[in-house]
Amino acid sequence: MRRSDQWFPRWTPISVHIAEAVQPAGADFKSILKCRDAVRDAILAHCREPDLGELMRVETEQTAA
C-alpha cells in the first residue's frame, strides 16, 4: 500500500470483501445511474471512508426523478 503522502509502497495487510452482484433494473440511462449509485453505496458501506462524491455530485433532471 502507498499512503497519500509517500512515494514508495510499504507492506501492509489488506482485506477484501466480495459483495453480492448489483444488477441494473434496465438498459436506459436512468437505470445505469441507479446501478452506479447502488454500487457506490455498497463500496462505501465497507471502506470506512467518507463519501467525498457528495461534494461534487450535480443533481440533474435524470438523477432527481
PDB file of N, CA and C in Angstrom:
ATOM      1  N   MET A   1       0.846  -1.179   0.000  1.00  0.00           N
ATOM      2  CA  MET A   1       0.000   0.000   0.000  1.00  0.00           C
ATOM      3  C   MET A   1       0.889   1.238   0.000  1.00  0.00           C
ATOM      4  N   ARG A   2       0.341   2.287  -0.517  1.00  0.00           N
ATOM      5  CA  ARG A   2       1.058   3.563  -0.519  1.00  0.00           C
ATOM      6  C   ARG A   2       0.160   4.611   0.098  1.00  0.00           C
ATOM      7  N   ARG A   3       0.655   5.275   1.118  1.00  0.00           N
ATOM      8  CA  ARG A   3      -0.087   6.369   1.731  1.00  0.00           C
ATOM      9  C   ARG A   3      -0.058   7.581   0.814  1.00  0.00           C
ATOM     10  N   SER A   4      -1.004   8.482   1.032  1.00  0.00           N
ATOM     11  CA  SER A   4      -1.112   9.640   0.143  1.00  0.00           C
ATOM     12  C   SER A   4       0.102  10.553   0.218  1.00  0.00           C
ATOM     13  N   ASP A   5       0.823  10.547   1.324  1.00  0.00           N
ATOM     14  CA  ASP A   5       1.967  11.443   1.474  1.00  0.00           C
ATOM     15  C   ASP A   5       3.308  10.754   1.241  1.00  0.00           C
ATOM     16  N   GLN A   6       3.295   9.524   0.719  1.00  0.00           N
ATOM     17  CA  GLN A   6       4.531   8.781   0.497  1.00  0.00           C
ATOM     18  C   GLN A   6       4.692   8.434  -0.978  1.00  0.00           C
ATOM     19  N   TRP A   7       5.948   8.287  -1.383  1.00  0.00           N
ATOM     20  CA  TRP A   7       6.249   7.922  -2.767  1.00  0.00           C
ATOM     21  C   TRP A   7       6.458   6.442  -2.951  1.00  0.00           C
ATOM     22  N   PHE A   8       6.855   5.754  -1.894  1.00  0.00           N
ATOM     23  CA  PHE A   8       7.183   4.344  -2.006  1.00  0.00           C
ATOM     24  C   PHE A   8       6.157   3.490  -1.271  1.00  0.00           C
ATOM     25  N   PRO A   9       5.769   2.372  -1.864  1.00  0.00           N
ATOM     26  CA  PRO A   9       4.806   1.493  -1.185  1.00  0.00           C
ATOM     27  C   PRO A   9       5.443   0.793   0.002  1.00  0.00           C
ATOM     28  N   ARG A  10       4.619   0.331   0.912  1.00  0.00           N
ATOM     29  CA  ARG A  10       5.098  -0.438   2.062  1.00  0.00           C
ATOM     30  C   ARG A  10       4.199  -1.650   2.222  1.00  0.00           C
ATOM     31  N   TRP A  11       4.727  -2.696   2.840  1.00  0.00           N
ATOM     32  CA  TRP A  11       3.962  -3.909   3.066  1.00  0.00           C
ATOM     33  C   TRP A  11       2.956  -3.670   4.172  1.00  0.00           C
ATOM     34  N   THR A  12       1.732  -4.069   3.934  1.00  0.00           N
ATOM     35  CA  THR A  12       0.686  -3.969   4.945  1.00  0.00           C
ATOM     36  C   THR A  12      -0.420  -4.966   4.607  1.00  0.00           C
ATOM     37  N   PRO A  13      -1.058  -5.528   5.612  1.00  0.00           N
ATOM     38  CA  PRO A  13      -2.151  -6.461   5.313  1.00  0.00           C
ATOM     39  C   PRO A  13      -3.369  -5.700   4.776  1.00  0.00           C
ATOM     40  N   ILE A  14      -4.090  -6.339   3.891  1.00  0.00           N
ATOM     41  CA  ILE A  14      -5.331  -5.765   3.375  1.00  0.00           C
ATOM     42  C   ILE A  14      -6.431  -6.813   3.505  1.00  0.00           C
ATOM     43  N   SER A  15      -7.649  -6.363   3.448  1.00  0.00           N
ATOM     44  CA  SER A  15      -8.778  -7.293   3.429  1.00  0.00           C
ATOM     45  C   SER A  15      -9.654  -6.951   2.231  1.00  0.00           C
ATOM     46  N   VAL A  16     -10.273  -7.977   1.697  1.00  0.00           N
ATOM     47  CA  VAL A  16     -11.122  -7.812   0.518  1.00  0.00           C
ATOM     48  C   VAL A  16     -12.501  -8.367   0.841  1.00  0.00           C
ATOM     49  N   HIS A  17     -13.526  -7.583   0.576  1.00  0.00           N
ATOM     50  CA  HIS A  17     -14.906  -8.012   0.780  1.00  0.00           C
ATOM     51  C   HIS A  17     -15.568  -8.135  -0.585  1.00  0.00           C
ATOM     52  N   ILE A  18     -16.074  -9.307  -0.890  1.00  0.00           N
ATOM     53  CA  ILE A  18     -16.777  -9.516  -2.154  1.00  0.00           C
ATOM     54  C   ILE A  18     -18.267  -9.528  -1.848  1.00  0.00           C
ATOM     55  N   ALA A  19     -18.959  -8.511  -2.326  1.00  0.00           N
ATOM     56  CA  ALA A  19     -20.386  -8.352  -2.048  1.00  0.00           C
ATOM     57  C   ALA A  19     -21.220  -9.015  -3.132  1.00  0.00           C
ATOM     58  N   GLU A  20     -22.513  -9.031  -2.900  1.00  0.00           N
ATOM     59  CA  GLU A  20     -23.449  -9.545  -3.891  1.00  0.00           C
ATOM     60  C   GLU A  20     -23.385  -8.669  -5.141  1.00  0.00           C
ATOM     61  N   ALA A  21     -23.621  -9.269  -6.277  1.00  0.00           N
ATOM     62  CA  ALA A  21     -23.616  -8.518  -7.536  1.00  0.00           C
ATOM     63  C   ALA A  21     -24.793  -7.546  -7.568  1.00  0.00           C
ATOM     64  N   VAL A  22     -24.557  -6.384  -8.134  1.00  0.00           N
ATOM     65  CA  VAL A  22     -25.608  -5.383  -8.300  1.00  0.00           C
ATOM     66  C   VAL A  22     -26.009  -5.389  -9.769  1.00  0.00           C
ATOM     67  N   GLN A  23     -27.267  -5.669 -10.007  1.00  0.00           N
ATOM     68  CA  GLN A  23     -27.773  -5.751 -11.375  1.00  0.00           C
ATOM     69  C   GLN A  23     -28.562  -4.485 -11.715  1.00  0.00           C
ATOM     70  N   PRO A  24     -28.399  -3.957 -12.907  1.00  0.00           N
ATOM     71  CA  PRO A  24     -29.210  -2.803 -13.312  1.00  0.00           C
ATOM     72  C   PRO A  24     -30.656  -3.231 -13.528  1.00  0.00           C
ATOM     73  N   ALA A  25     -31.585  -2.310 -13.277  1.00  0.00           N
ATOM     74  CA  ALA A  25     -33.007  -2.609 -13.431  1.00  0.00           C
ATOM     75  C   ALA A  25     -33.440  -2.537 -14.890  1.00  0.00           C
ATOM     76  N   GLY A  26     -32.637  -1.928 -15.739  1.00  0.00           N
ATOM     77  CA  GLY A  26     -32.978  -1.794 -17.150  1.00  0.00           C
ATOM     78  C   GLY A  26     -31.751  -1.388 -17.943  1.00  0.00           C
ATOM     79  N   ALA A  27     -31.977  -1.036 -19.197  1.00  0.00           N
ATOM     80  CA  ALA A  27     -30.862  -0.653 -20.067  1.00  0.00           C
ATOM     81  C   ALA A  27     -30.850   0.840 -20.360  1.00  0.00           C
ATOM     82  N   ASP A  28     -31.789   1.585 -19.796  1.00  0.00           N
ATOM     83  CA  ASP A  28     -31.837   3.022 -20.051  1.00  0.00           C
ATOM     84  C   ASP A  28     -30.845   3.759 -19.149  1.00  0.00           C
ATOM     85  N   PHE A  29     -30.603   4.999 -19.451  1.00  0.00           N
ATOM     86  CA  PHE A  29     -29.590   5.785 -18.746  1.00  0.00           C
ATOM     87  C   PHE A  29     -29.939   5.946 -17.267  1.00  0.00           C
ATOM     88  N   LYS A  30     -31.207   6.138 -16.953  1.00  0.00           N
ATOM     89  CA  LYS A  30     -31.629   6.309 -15.565  1.00  0.00           C
ATOM     90  C   LYS A  30     -31.318   5.046 -14.753  1.00  0.00           C
ATOM     91  N   SER A  31     -31.537   3.877 -15.334  1.00  0.00           N
ATOM     92  CA  SER A  31     -31.232   2.618 -14.650  1.00  0.00           C
ATOM     93  C   SER A  31     -29.734   2.453 -14.432  1.00  0.00           C
ATOM     94  N   ILE A  32     -28.955   2.884 -15.388  1.00  0.00           N
ATOM     95  CA  ILE A  32     -27.496   2.805 -15.250  1.00  0.00           C
ATOM     96  C   ILE A  32     -27.018   3.706 -14.117  1.00  0.00           C
ATOM     97  N   LEU A  33     -27.586   4.896 -14.007  1.00  0.00           N
ATOM     98  CA  LEU A  33     -27.211   5.801 -12.917  1.00  0.00           C
ATOM     99  C   LEU A  33     -27.605   5.226 -11.559  1.00  0.00           C
ATOM    100  N   LYS A  34     -28.780   4.603 -11.487  1.00  0.00           N
ATOM    101  CA  LYS A  34     -29.200   3.980 -10.235  1.00  0.00           C
ATOM    102  C   LYS A  34     -28.275   2.820  -9.875  1.00  0.00           C
ATOM    103  N   CYS A  35     -27.851   2.059 -10.862  1.00  0.00           N
ATOM    104  CA  CYS A  35     -26.918   0.957 -10.631  1.00  0.00           C
ATOM    105  C   CYS A  35     -25.575   1.502 -10.136  1.00  0.00           C
ATOM    106  N   ARG A  36     -25.101   2.550 -10.764  1.00  0.00           N
ATOM    107  CA  ARG A  36     -23.849   3.176 -10.334  1.00  0.00           C
ATOM    108  C   ARG A  36     -23.933   3.624  -8.880  1.00  0.00           C
ATOM    109  N   ASP A  37     -25.043   4.252  -8.508  1.00  0.00           N
ATOM    110  CA  ASP A  37     -25.203   4.734  -7.137  1.00  0.00           C
ATOM    111  C   ASP A  37     -25.315   3.580  -6.149  1.00  0.00           C
ATOM    112  N   ALA A  38     -25.960   2.487  -6.541  1.00  0.00           N
ATOM    113  CA  ALA A  38     -26.068   1.321  -5.669  1.00  0.00           C
ATOM    114  C   ALA A  38     -24.700   0.684  -5.432  1.00  0.00           C
ATOM    115  N   VAL A  39     -23.887   0.614  -6.467  1.00  0.00           N
ATOM    116  CA  VAL A  39     -22.532   0.072  -6.327  1.00  0.00           C
ATOM    117  C   VAL A  39     -21.692   0.977  -5.435  1.00  0.00           C
ATOM    118  N   ARG A  40     -21.814   2.265  -5.630  1.00  0.00           N
ATOM    119  CA  ARG A  40     -21.074   3.229  -4.796  1.00  0.00           C
ATOM    120  C   ARG A  40     -21.457   3.075  -3.329  1.00  0.00           C
ATOM    121  N   ASP A  41     -22.774   2.930  -3.055  1.00  0.00           N
ATOM    122  CA  ASP A  41     -23.234   2.752  -1.674  1.00  0.00           C
ATOM    123  C   ASP A  41     -22.696   1.458  -1.075  1.00  0.00           C
ATOM    124  N   ALA A  42     -22.648   0.395  -1.872  1.00  0.00           N
ATOM    125  CA  ALA A  42     -22.113  -0.883  -1.383  1.00  0.00           C
ATOM    126  C   ALA A  42     -20.630  -0.764  -1.040  1.00  0.00           C
ATOM    127  N   ILE A  43     -19.889  -0.059  -1.860  1.00  0.00           N
ATOM    128  CA  ILE A  43     -18.462   0.137  -1.587  1.00  0.00           C
ATOM    129  C   ILE A  43     -18.269   0.984  -0.339  1.00  0.00           C
ATOM    130  N   LEU A  44     -19.022   2.067  -0.232  1.00  0.00           N
ATOM    131  CA  LEU A  44     -18.880   2.957   0.919  1.00  0.00           C
ATOM    132  C   LEU A  44     -19.272   2.288   2.231  1.00  0.00           C
ATOM    133  N   ALA A  45     -20.160   1.302   2.170  1.00  0.00           N
ATOM    134  CA  ALA A  45     -20.582   0.600   3.382  1.00  0.00           C
ATOM    135  C   ALA A  45     -19.444  -0.202   4.003  1.00  0.00           C
ATOM    136  N   HIS A  46     -18.412  -0.526   3.224  1.00  0.00           N
ATOM    137  CA  HIS A  46     -17.330  -1.374   3.720  1.00  0.00           C
ATOM    138  C   HIS A  46     -15.958  -0.715   3.725  1.00  0.00           C
ATOM    139  N   CYS A  47     -15.805   0.452   3.145  1.00  0.00           N
ATOM    140  CA  CYS A  47     -14.449   1.003   3.014  1.00  0.00           C
ATOM    141  C   CYS A  47     -14.041   1.921   4.168  1.00  0.00           C
ATOM    142  N   ARG A  48     -14.964   2.293   5.029  1.00  0.00           N
ATOM    143  CA  ARG A  48     -14.667   3.155   6.184  1.00  0.00           C
ATOM    144  C   ARG A  48     -14.012   4.471   5.761  1.00  0.00           C
ATOM    145  N   GLU A  49     -14.471   5.025   4.667  1.00  0.00           N
ATOM    146  CA  GLU A  49     -14.011   6.328   4.208  1.00  0.00           C
ATOM    147  C   GLU A  49     -15.222   7.215   3.963  1.00  0.00           C
ATOM    148  N   PRO A  50     -15.039   8.527   4.042  1.00  0.00           N
ATOM    149  CA  PRO A  50     -16.178   9.419   3.795  1.00  0.00           C
ATOM    150  C   PRO A  50     -16.557   9.437   2.317  1.00  0.00           C
ATOM    151  N   ASP A  51     -17.793   9.773   2.053  1.00  0.00           N
ATOM    152  CA  ASP A  51     -18.286   9.881   0.682  1.00  0.00           C
ATOM    153  C   ASP A  51     -17.993  11.284   0.163  1.00  0.00           C
ATOM    154  N   LEU A  52     -16.847  11.457  -0.452  1.00  0.00           N
ATOM    155  CA  LEU A  52     -16.462  12.760  -0.974  1.00  0.00           C
ATOM    156  C   LEU A  52     -17.178  13.093  -2.272  1.00  0.00           C
ATOM    157  N   GLY A  53     -17.806  12.105  -2.892  1.00  0.00           N
ATOM    158  CA  GLY A  53     -18.543  12.337  -4.120  1.00  0.00           C
ATOM    159  C   GLY A  53     -19.744  13.238  -3.920  1.00  0.00           C
ATOM    160  N   GLU A  54     -20.272  13.270  -2.700  1.00  0.00           N
ATOM    161  CA  GLU A  54     -21.414  14.141  -2.423  1.00  0.00           C
ATOM    162  C   GLU A  54     -21.020  15.608  -2.564  1.00  0.00           C
ATOM    163  N   LEU A  55     -19.762  15.908  -2.417  1.00  0.00           N
ATOM    164  CA  LEU A  55     -19.306  17.284  -2.577  1.00  0.00           C
ATOM    165  C   LEU A  55     -19.305  17.711  -4.034  1.00  0.00           C
ATOM    166  N   MET A  56     -19.225  16.735  -4.953  1.00  0.00           N
ATOM    167  CA  MET A  56     -19.078  17.055  -6.368  1.00  0.00           C
ATOM    168  C   MET A  56     -20.279  16.646  -7.206  1.00  0.00           C
ATOM    169  N   ARG A  57     -21.187  15.839  -6.667  1.00  0.00           N
ATOM    170  CA  ARG A  57     -22.319  15.335  -7.434  1.00  0.00           C
ATOM    171  C   ARG A  57     -23.285  16.468  -7.773  1.00  0.00           C
ATOM    172  N   VAL A  58     -23.621  16.569  -9.031  1.00  0.00           N
ATOM    173  CA  VAL A  58     -24.549  17.591  -9.504  1.00  0.00           C
ATOM    174  C   VAL A  58     -25.882  16.917  -9.769  1.00  0.00           C
ATOM    175  N   GLU A  59     -26.941  17.476  -9.210  1.00  0.00           N
ATOM    176  CA  GLU A  59     -28.271  16.926  -9.406  1.00  0.00           C
ATOM    177  C   GLU A  59     -28.799  17.338 -10.776  1.00  0.00           C
ATOM    178  N   THR A  60     -29.146  16.345 -11.572  1.00  0.00           N
ATOM    179  CA  THR A  60     -29.712  16.621 -12.901  1.00  0.00           C
ATOM    180  C   THR A  60     -31.153  16.169 -12.920  1.00  0.00           C
ATOM    181  N   GLU A  61     -31.857  16.483 -13.982  1.00  0.00           N
ATOM    182  CA  GLU A  61     -33.244  16.069 -14.094  1.00  0.00           C
ATOM    183  C   GLU A  61     -33.358  14.553 -14.066  1.00  0.00           C
ATOM    184  N   GLN A  62     -32.424  13.871 -14.685  1.00  0.00           N
ATOM    185  CA  GLN A  62     -32.480  12.410 -14.771  1.00  0.00           C
ATOM    186  C   GLN A  62     -32.209  11.765 -13.418  1.00  0.00           C
ATOM    187  N   THR A  63     -31.281  12.304 -12.625  1.00  0.00           N
ATOM    188  CA  THR A  63     -30.980  11.705 -11.330  1.00  0.00           C
ATOM    189  C   THR A  63     -31.955  12.166 -10.268  1.00  0.00           C
ATOM    190  N   ALA A  64     -32.640  13.298 -10.468  1.00  0.00           N
ATOM    191  CA  ALA A  64     -33.593  13.799  -9.496  1.00  0.00           C
ATOM    192  C   ALA A  64     -34.907  13.022  -9.548  1.00  0.00           C
ATOM    193  N   ALA A  65     -35.235  12.465 -10.668  1.00  0.00           N
ATOM    194  CA  ALA A  65     -36.524  11.769 -10.826  1.00  0.00           C
ATOM    195  C   ALA A  65     -36.505  10.387 -10.233  1.00  0.00           C
TER     196      ALA A  65
END
